[in-house]
C-alpha atoms as a PDB file:
ATOM      1  CA  MET A   1      87.041 107.428 122.636  1.00  0.00           C
ATOM      2  CA  TYR A   2      89.365 104.958 120.567  1.00  0.00           C
ATOM      3  CA  ALA A   3      92.941 103.961 121.985  1.00  0.00           C
ATOM      4  CA  VAL A   4      95.740 102.270 119.730  1.00  0.00           C
ATOM      5  CA  THR A   5      98.240 101.012 121.676  1.00  0.00           C
ATOM      6  CA  ALA A   6     101.985 100.246 120.611  1.00  0.00           C
ATOM      7  CA  ALA A   7     101.118 103.910 118.412  1.00  0.00           C
ATOM      8  CA  THR A   8     104.562 104.334 118.038  1.00  0.00           C
ATOM      9  CA  GLY A   9     105.159 100.859 115.855  1.00  0.00           C
ATOM     10  CA  GLN A  10     105.379 100.559 112.549  1.00  0.00           C
ATOM     11  CA  LEU A  11     101.910  99.512 111.923  1.00  0.00           C
ATOM     12  CA  GLY A  12     100.836 101.547 115.064  1.00  0.00           C
ATOM     13  CA  ARG A  13     101.886 104.969 112.968  1.00  0.00           C
ATOM     14  CA  LEU A  14      99.904 103.939 110.286  1.00  0.00           C
ATOM     15  CA  VAL A  15      97.137 103.076 112.152  1.00  0.00           C
ATOM     16  CA  LEU A  16      96.825 106.380 113.950  1.00  0.00           C
ATOM     17  CA  ASP A  17      97.736 108.442 110.270  1.00  0.00           C
ATOM     18  CA  ARG A  18      94.009 106.710 109.365  1.00  0.00           C
ATOM     19  CA  LEU A  19      91.796 107.376 111.887  1.00  0.00           C
ATOM     20  CA  LYS A  20      89.908 110.430 112.754  1.00  0.00           C
ATOM     21  CA  GLY A  21      88.157 111.830 116.183  1.00  0.00           C
ATOM     22  CA  ASP A  22      88.722 111.526 119.148  1.00  0.00           C
ATOM     23  CA  VAL A  23      92.125 109.324 119.410  1.00  0.00           C
ATOM     24  CA  VAL A  24      94.445 108.892 122.087  1.00  0.00           C
ATOM     25  CA  ALA A  25      98.319 106.772 121.074  1.00  0.00           C
ATOM     26  CA  VAL A  26      99.174 104.677 123.927  1.00  0.00           C
ATOM     27  CA  ALA A  27     103.015 103.898 123.640  1.00  0.00           C
ATOM     28  CA  ARG A  28     105.908 103.280 126.441  1.00  0.00           C
ATOM     29  CA  ASP A  29     107.977 106.285 125.240  1.00  0.00           C
ATOM     30  CA  THR A  30     105.213 108.821 124.546  1.00  0.00           C
ATOM     31  CA  SER A  31     108.165 111.273 123.039  1.00  0.00           C
ATOM     32  CA  ARG A  32     107.764 109.595 120.252  1.00  0.00           C
ATOM     33  CA  VAL A  33     104.238 109.775 119.408  1.00  0.00           C
ATOM     34  CA  SER A  34     102.956 112.284 116.751  1.00  0.00           C
ATOM     35  CA  GLU A  35     102.612 115.908 116.914  1.00  0.00           C
ATOM     36  CA  GLY A  36      98.136 116.186 117.518  1.00  0.00           C
ATOM     37  CA  VAL A  37      98.039 113.277 119.094  1.00  0.00           C
ATOM     38  CA  GLU A  38      96.779 112.396 123.024  1.00  0.00           C
ATOM     39  CA  ALA A  39      99.513 110.417 123.856  1.00  0.00           C
ATOM     40  CA  ARG A  40      99.562 108.797 126.885  1.00  0.00           C
ATOM     41  CA  HIS A  41     101.592 106.070 128.892  1.00  0.00           C
ATOM     42  CA  GLY A  42     101.263 102.808 128.597  1.00  0.00           C
ATOM     43  CA  ASP A  43     103.481  99.965 129.000  1.00  0.00           C
ATOM     44  CA  TYR A  44     102.373  95.924 128.248  1.00  0.00           C
ATOM     45  CA  ASP A  45     104.895  95.112 131.292  1.00  0.00           C
ATOM     46  CA  ASP A  46     103.180  97.872 134.288  1.00  0.00           C
ATOM     47  CA  PRO A  47      99.351  97.051 134.571  1.00  0.00           C
ATOM     48  CA  MET A  48      98.931 100.046 136.479  1.00  0.00           C
ATOM     49  CA  SER A  49     100.244 102.447 133.415  1.00  0.00           C
ATOM     50  CA  LEU A  50      97.547 100.619 131.218  1.00  0.00           C
ATOM     51  CA  ARG A  51      94.814 101.214 133.458  1.00  0.00           C
ATOM     52  CA  ALA A  52      95.279 104.797 133.442  1.00  0.00           C
ATOM     53  CA  ALA A  53      95.964 105.269 129.877  1.00  0.00           C
ATOM     54  CA  PHE A  54      92.826 103.725 128.806  1.00  0.00           C
ATOM     55  CA  ALA A  55      90.635 106.377 131.222  1.00  0.00           C
ATOM     56  CA  GLY A  56      87.382 107.051 129.258  1.00  0.00           C
ATOM     57  CA  VAL A  57      88.247 105.189 126.435  1.00  0.00           C
ATOM     58  CA  ASP A  58      85.076 103.096 125.012  1.00  0.00           C
ATOM     59  CA  ARG A  59      86.794 101.163 121.666  1.00  0.00           C
ATOM     60  CA  LEU A  60      91.211  99.566 122.187  1.00  0.00           C
ATOM     61  CA  LEU A  61      92.646  98.609 119.108  1.00  0.00           C
ATOM     62  CA  LEU A  62      95.298  96.609 121.174  1.00  0.00           C
ATOM     63  CA  ILE A  63      98.321  95.704 118.230  1.00  0.00           C
ATOM     64  CA  SER A  64     100.196  92.101 119.541  1.00  0.00           C
ATOM     65  CA  SER A  65     103.270  92.724 121.863  1.00  0.00           C
ATOM     66  CA  PRO A  66     106.725  92.849 119.509  1.00  0.00           C
ATOM     67  CA  GLU A  67     108.168  90.356 122.157  1.00  0.00           C
ATOM     68  CA  LEU A  68     109.468  86.481 120.822  1.00  0.00           C
ATOM     69  CA  ASP A  69     108.930  84.799 124.176  1.00  0.00           C
ATOM     70  CA  ALA A  70     105.043  83.273 123.976  1.00  0.00           C
ATOM     71  CA  ALA A  71     104.645  83.394 127.630  1.00  0.00           C
ATOM     72  CA  ARG A  72     105.106  86.749 127.882  1.00  0.00           C
ATOM     73  CA  ARG A  73     103.691  87.906 124.883  1.00  0.00           C
ATOM     74  CA  VAL A  74     100.542  86.279 126.158  1.00  0.00           C
ATOM     75  CA  ALA A  75     101.421  88.307 129.886  1.00  0.00           C
ATOM     76  CA  HIS A  76     101.894  91.696 127.951  1.00  0.00           C
ATOM     77  CA  HIS A  77      98.008  90.916 125.977  1.00  0.00           C
ATOM     78  CA  ARG A  78      96.555  89.796 129.284  1.00  0.00           C
ATOM     79  CA  ASN A  79      97.602  92.717 130.529  1.00  0.00           C
ATOM     80  CA  VAL A  80      96.062  95.145 128.166  1.00  0.00           C
ATOM     81  CA  LEU A  81      92.492  92.877 128.818  1.00  0.00           C
ATOM     82  CA  ASP A  82      92.837  92.885 132.470  1.00  0.00           C
ATOM     83  CA  ALA A  83      93.739  96.752 132.153  1.00  0.00           C
ATOM     84  CA  ALA A  84      90.961  97.665 129.727  1.00  0.00           C
ATOM     85  CA  VAL A  85      88.436  95.418 131.682  1.00  0.00           C
ATOM     86  CA  ALA A  86      89.281  97.901 134.803  1.00  0.00           C
ATOM     87  CA  ALA A  87      89.000 100.897 132.909  1.00  0.00           C
ATOM     88  CA  GLY A  88      85.455 100.147 131.588  1.00  0.00           C
ATOM     89  CA  VAL A  89      86.765  99.864 128.137  1.00  0.00           C
ATOM     90  CA  THR A  90      83.283  97.655 126.017  1.00  0.00           C
ATOM     91  CA  ALA A  91      85.046  96.859 123.150  1.00  0.00           C
ATOM     92  CA  ILE A  92      88.659  95.794 121.621  1.00  0.00           C
ATOM     93  CA  VAL A  93      90.060  95.321 118.562  1.00  0.00           C
ATOM     94  CA  TYR A  94      93.015  92.514 118.136  1.00  0.00           C
ATOM     95  CA  THR A  95      95.984  92.493 115.550  1.00  0.00           C
ATOM     96  CA  SER A  96      96.158  88.380 115.459  1.00  0.00           C
ATOM     97  CA  PHE A  97      98.179  86.473 113.134  1.00  0.00           C
ATOM     98  CA  LEU A  98      96.139  83.943 110.515  1.00  0.00           C
ATOM     99  CA  ASP A  99      95.105  79.846 111.650  1.00  0.00           C
ATOM    100  CA  ALA A 100      95.552  81.632 115.250  1.00  0.00           C
ATOM    101  CA  ASP A 101      92.216  80.029 115.723  1.00  0.00           C
ATOM    102  CA  THR A 102      92.916  76.370 115.002  1.00  0.00           C
ATOM    103  CA  VAL A 103      97.096  76.645 115.367  1.00  0.00           C
ATOM    104  CA  ALA A 104      98.151  77.165 119.214  1.00  0.00           C
ATOM    105  CA  THR A 105     101.974  76.115 118.451  1.00  0.00           C
ATOM    106  CA  GLY A 106     104.524  78.362 117.233  1.00  0.00           C
ATOM    107  CA  MET A 107     104.047  81.385 115.725  1.00  0.00           C
ATOM    108  CA  THR A 108     100.280  81.339 116.217  1.00  0.00           C
ATOM    109  CA  GLU A 109     100.713  80.307 120.296  1.00  0.00           C
ATOM    110  CA  ALA A 110     100.028  83.314 121.355  1.00  0.00           C
ATOM    111  CA  HIS A 111      97.874  84.791 119.355  1.00  0.00           C
ATOM    112  CA  HIS A 112      96.331  81.777 119.906  1.00  0.00           C
ATOM    113  CA  ALA A 113      95.951  81.966 123.460  1.00  0.00           C
ATOM    114  CA  THR A 114      95.457  85.457 123.635  1.00  0.00           C
ATOM    115  CA  GLU A 115      92.051  84.852 120.937  1.00  0.00           C
ATOM    116  CA  GLN A 116      90.606  82.905 123.536  1.00  0.00           C
ATOM    117  CA  ALA A 117      92.123  85.568 126.798  1.00  0.00           C
ATOM    118  CA  ILE A 118      89.645  87.965 124.562  1.00  0.00           C
ATOM    119  CA  PHE A 119      86.491  85.438 124.370  1.00  0.00           C
ATOM    120  CA  VAL A 120      86.372  85.332 127.582  1.00  0.00           C
ATOM    121  CA  SER A 121      86.946  88.297 129.240  1.00  0.00           C
ATOM    122  CA  GLY A 122      83.869  90.197 128.660  1.00  0.00           C
ATOM    123  CA  LEU A 123      85.233  92.141 125.831  1.00  0.00           C
ATOM    124  CA  ALA A 124      83.279  92.965 122.627  1.00  0.00           C
ATOM    125  CA  HIS A 125      85.787  91.849 120.566  1.00  0.00           C
ATOM    126  CA  THR A 126      86.507  92.172 116.562  1.00  0.00           C
ATOM    127  CA  ILE A 127      90.197  89.735 115.893  1.00  0.00           C
ATOM    128  CA  LEU A 128      92.084  90.751 112.789  1.00  0.00           C
ATOM    129  CA  ARG A 129      93.843  87.192 112.002  1.00  0.00           C
ATOM    130  CA  ASN A 130      97.246  89.273 110.080  1.00  0.00           C
ATOM    131  CA  PRO A 131      99.452  87.901 107.249  1.00  0.00           C
ATOM    132  CA  PHE A 132     103.028  87.965 106.835  1.00  0.00           C
ATOM    133  CA  TYR A 133     103.574  91.483 105.741  1.00  0.00           C
ATOM    134  CA  GLY A 134     104.452  92.426 101.987  1.00  0.00           C
ATOM    135  CA  ASP A 135     106.724  95.051 103.101  1.00  0.00           C
ATOM    136  CA  ALA A 136     109.270  92.544 104.537  1.00  0.00           C
ATOM    137  CA  PHE A 137     108.735  90.180 100.697  1.00  0.00           C
ATOM    138  CA  LEU A 138     108.868  93.123  98.093  1.00  0.00           C
ATOM    139  CA  PRO A 139     111.473  91.257  95.533  1.00  0.00           C
ATOM    140  CA  GLN A 140     114.423  93.245  94.895  1.00  0.00           C
ATOM    141  CA  VAL A 141     115.396  93.895  91.497  1.00  0.00           C
ATOM    142  CA  VAL A 142     118.955  93.761  90.186  1.00  0.00           C
ATOM    143  CA  ASP A 143     119.832  94.573  87.142  1.00  0.00           C
ATOM    144  CA  GLY A 144     116.358  93.906  85.502  1.00  0.00           C
ATOM    145  CA  VAL A 145     116.279  90.940  87.348  1.00  0.00           C
ATOM    146  CA  ILE A 146     114.722  88.969  90.212  1.00  0.00           C
ATOM    147  CA  ARG A 147     115.513  86.522  91.885  1.00  0.00           C
ATOM    148  CA  GLY A 148     113.864  84.486  94.352  1.00  0.00           C
ATOM    149  CA  SER A 149     114.120  81.019  96.144  1.00  0.00           C
ATOM    150  CA  THR A 150     109.838  79.886  95.872  1.00  0.00           C
ATOM    151  CA  GLY A 151     109.661  77.862  93.602  1.00  0.00           C
ATOM    152  CA  GLY A 152     107.555  79.682  91.814  1.00  0.00           C
ATOM    153  CA  ARG A 153     104.879  79.380  95.237  1.00  0.00           C
ATOM    154  CA  GLY A 154     102.356  81.612  95.659  1.00  0.00           C
ATOM    155  CA  LEU A 155     102.064  84.125  98.982  1.00  0.00           C
ATOM    156  CA  ASN A 156      99.062  86.436 100.405  1.00  0.00           C
ATOM    157  CA  THR A 157     101.167  88.929 102.084  1.00  0.00           C
ATOM    158  CA  ALA A 158      99.022  91.785 102.758  1.00  0.00           C
ATOM    159  CA  PHE A 159     100.953  95.674 103.040  1.00  0.00           C
ATOM    160  CA  ARG A 160     101.033  97.910 106.187  1.00  0.00           C
ATOM    161  CA  THR A 161      99.019 100.332 104.812  1.00  0.00           C
ATOM    162  CA  ASP A 162      96.358  97.611 104.066  1.00  0.00           C
ATOM    163  CA  LEU A 163      96.345  96.593 107.006  1.00  0.00           C
ATOM    164  CA  ALA A 164      96.506  99.591 109.304  1.00  0.00           C
ATOM    165  CA  GLN A 165      93.416 101.013 106.926  1.00  0.00           C
ATOM    166  CA  ALA A 166      91.435  97.415 107.727  1.00  0.00           C
ATOM    167  CA  ALA A 167      92.755  97.815 111.687  1.00  0.00           C
ATOM    168  CA  ALA A 168      91.122 101.547 111.341  1.00  0.00           C
ATOM    169  CA  ASN A 169      87.805 100.523 109.833  1.00  0.00           C
ATOM    170  CA  ALA A 170      87.261  97.483 112.077  1.00  0.00           C
ATOM    171  CA  LEU A 171      87.411 100.417 115.315  1.00  0.00           C
ATOM    172  CA  THR A 172      85.903 102.677 113.794  1.00  0.00           C
ATOM    173  CA  GLY A 173      83.232 100.935 112.180  1.00  0.00           C
ATOM    174  CA  PRO A 174      79.899 100.123 113.444  1.00  0.00           C
ATOM    175  CA  ASP A 175      79.742  96.413 112.043  1.00  0.00           C
ATOM    176  CA  HIS A 176      82.623  94.304 113.305  1.00  0.00           C
ATOM    177  CA  LEU A 177      81.999  93.454 116.491  1.00  0.00           C
ATOM    178  CA  GLY A 178      82.014  89.563 117.463  1.00  0.00           C
ATOM    179  CA  ARG A 179      83.886  88.650 114.190  1.00  0.00           C
ATOM    180  CA  ALA A 180      87.432  87.563 113.388  1.00  0.00           C
ATOM    181  CA  TYR A 181      88.205  88.854 109.698  1.00  0.00           C
ATOM    182  CA  ASP A 182      91.175  86.255 108.410  1.00  0.00           C
ATOM    183  CA  LEU A 183      93.080  88.595 105.879  1.00  0.00           C
ATOM    184  CA  THR A 184      95.380  87.700 103.092  1.00  0.00           C
ATOM    185  CA  GLY A 185      96.625  90.255 100.627  1.00  0.00           C
ATOM    186  CA  PRO A 186      95.608  89.521  97.090  1.00  0.00           C
ATOM    187  CA  LEU A 187      98.290  86.086  95.694  1.00  0.00           C
ATOM    188  CA  TRP A 188     101.271  86.384  93.935  1.00  0.00           C
ATOM    189  CA  THR A 189     104.488  84.857  92.447  1.00  0.00           C
ATOM    190  CA  HIS A 190     108.008  86.644  91.813  1.00  0.00           C
ATOM    191  CA  PRO A 191     107.651  84.669  88.627  1.00  0.00           C
ATOM    192  CA  GLN A 192     104.023  86.727  87.869  1.00  0.00           C
ATOM    193  CA  VAL A 193     105.842  90.128  89.459  1.00  0.00           C
ATOM    194  CA  ALA A 194     108.765  89.900  86.804  1.00  0.00           C
ATOM    195  CA  GLU A 195     106.435  89.568  83.948  1.00  0.00           C
ATOM    196  CA  ALA A 196     104.252  92.121  84.893  1.00  0.00           C
ATOM    197  CA  LEU A 197     106.649  94.844  84.997  1.00  0.00           C
ATOM    198  CA  GLY A 198     108.441  93.620  82.505  1.00  0.00           C
ATOM    199  CA  LEU A 199     111.883  92.046  83.885  1.00  0.00           C
ATOM    200  CA  SER A 200     113.492  88.528  83.865  1.00  0.00           C
ATOM    201  CA  TYR A 201     113.065  85.761  86.734  1.00  0.00           C
ATOM    202  CA  GLU A 202     115.548  83.469  87.450  1.00  0.00           C
ATOM    203  CA  GLU A 203     115.093  81.117  90.417  1.00  0.00           C
ATOM    204  CA  VAL A 204     118.317  80.689  92.308  1.00  0.00           C
ATOM    205  CA  PRO A 205     119.250  78.308  95.605  1.00  0.00           C
ATOM    206  CA  ASP A 206     117.886  79.638  98.847  1.00  0.00           C
ATOM    207  CA  ALA A 207     121.216  81.401 100.220  1.00  0.00           C
ATOM    208  CA  ALA A 208     118.863  83.730 102.432  1.00  0.00           C
ATOM    209  CA  PRO A 209     120.119  84.550 105.599  1.00  0.00           C
ATOM    210  CA  GLY A 210     118.437  83.641 109.468  1.00  0.00           C
ATOM    211  CA  ALA A 211     114.557  83.418 109.178  1.00  0.00           C
ATOM    212  CA  MET A 212     113.965  84.723 105.360  1.00  0.00           C
ATOM    213  CA  ALA A 213     115.163  80.903 104.806  1.00  0.00           C
ATOM    214  CA  TRP A 214     112.972  79.245 106.384  1.00  0.00           C
ATOM    215  CA  LEU A 215     110.143  81.774 105.228  1.00  0.00           C
ATOM    216  CA  ASN A 216     111.342  80.707 101.985  1.00  0.00           C
ATOM    217  CA  GLY A 217     110.682  76.816 102.731  1.00  0.00           C
ATOM    218  CA  LEU A 218     106.750  78.236 103.552  1.00  0.00           C
ATOM    219  CA  VAL A 219     106.300  79.263 100.808  1.00  0.00           C
ATOM    220  CA  ARG A 220     107.805  77.215  98.728  1.00  0.00           C
ATOM    221  CA  ALA A 221     105.709  74.172 100.572  1.00  0.00           C
ATOM    222  CA  GLY A 222     102.004  75.884  99.727  1.00  0.00           C
ATOM    223  CA  ALA A 223     101.923  77.044 102.758  1.00  0.00           C
ATOM    224  CA  MET A 224     101.413  80.535 102.082  1.00  0.00           C
ATOM    225  CA  GLU A 225      98.640  80.658  99.172  1.00  0.00           C
ATOM    226  CA  ARG A 226      95.399  80.934 101.265  1.00  0.00           C
ATOM    227  CA  GLN A 227      92.969  83.568  99.924  1.00  0.00           C
ATOM    228  CA  THR A 228      90.335  85.225 101.364  1.00  0.00           C
ATOM    229  CA  PRO A 229      87.961  88.331 100.835  1.00  0.00           C
ATOM    230  CA  ASP A 230      88.024  89.486 104.243  1.00  0.00           C
ATOM    231  CA  LEU A 231      90.792  91.839 103.236  1.00  0.00           C
ATOM    232  CA  GLU A 232      89.299  93.887 100.672  1.00  0.00           C
ATOM    233  CA  SER A 233      85.902  93.846 102.642  1.00  0.00           C
ATOM    234  CA  LEU A 234      87.036  95.224 105.294  1.00  0.00           C
ATOM    235  CA  LEU A 235      88.988  97.786 103.420  1.00  0.00           C
ATOM    236  CA  GLY A 236      85.945  98.153 100.625  1.00  0.00           C
ATOM    237  CA  ARG A 237      88.625  98.128  97.466  1.00  0.00           C
ATOM    238  CA  PRO A 238      91.355  96.255  96.423  1.00  0.00           C
ATOM    239  CA  ALA A 239      94.491  95.996  98.110  1.00  0.00           C
ATOM    240  CA  GLU A 240      97.691  96.928  97.001  1.00  0.00           C
ATOM    241  CA  THR A 241      99.864  94.262  94.579  1.00  0.00           C
ATOM    242  CA  VAL A 242     103.312  93.314  94.820  1.00  0.00           C
ATOM    243  CA  ALA A 243     103.406  94.150  91.075  1.00  0.00           C
ATOM    244  CA  GLU A 244     101.953  97.832  91.957  1.00  0.00           C
ATOM    245  CA  ARG A 245     104.242  98.600  94.783  1.00  0.00           C
ATOM    246  CA  LEU A 246     107.090  97.206  92.691  1.00  0.00           C
ATOM    247  CA  ARG A 247     105.994  99.547  89.698  1.00  0.00           C
ATOM    248  CA  GLU A 248     106.143 102.752  91.908  1.00  0.00           C
ATOM    249  CA  VAL A 249     109.752 101.323  93.582  1.00  0.00           C
ATOM    250  CA  VAL A 250     111.558 100.949  90.231  1.00  0.00           C
ATOM    251  CA  ARG A 251     109.840 104.244  88.997  1.00  0.00           C
ATOM    252  CA  ALA A 252     111.191 105.976  92.220  1.00  0.00           C
ATOM    253  CA  THR A 253     114.777 104.425  91.304  1.00  0.00           C
ATOM    254  CA  ARG A 254     115.026 105.558  87.912  1.00  0.00           C
ATOM    255  CA  GLN A 255     114.075 109.505  89.009  1.00  0.00           C
ATOM    256  CA  ALA A 256     117.148 109.358  91.588  1.00  0.00           C
END
């Protein structure tokens, strides 16, 4: 039996849509689980609920906690690991983040600590180091123009749909235990996407709000240009490109 934690989140829902067979959706609010899927209450803050939710589960997908505080996030994940061991789960797949194997600070602090906890847990495991979601970086088209503040540098984002399929494949496939995958989407730049769609591109001063300005700075520094074949390998096909997704968005907008 398979189980997916955080099953009502955006990634969890997509994973469930792609799983076939005996699967359990573990969620804090089971009323939000789609019909036709077995739902069990499991709260990252309630270890006993997690242990009960994992009863009879063989393989577990641990979708990382949305908690921003690193210490609390790690505590959530340790609760899941302890409950999984107690319930007799034999293997775990964890959605980590790129570079969490080597960087133990900042965005990857909690992921690094969780990976280390998994390694000493005794559980067979697969680590999925996800990139930033492409959904959040999809360029906007205004009057036939794409504008950006990334200096023309590349982004290795991937869409949730592909990362969900990769997670489902890793959870159910026979050859992924003991492996870590560094997942990157097809490298893209704003000017390249504009050219592919026959649009104009304009580089503008960075006036993005909040965290997006920081992310644009990462892009301009070349921090999101790493490429690996791991996502395509897990999918068994090429990952969706930003140009493909944006072309569909533009077509739908014109037809509306």
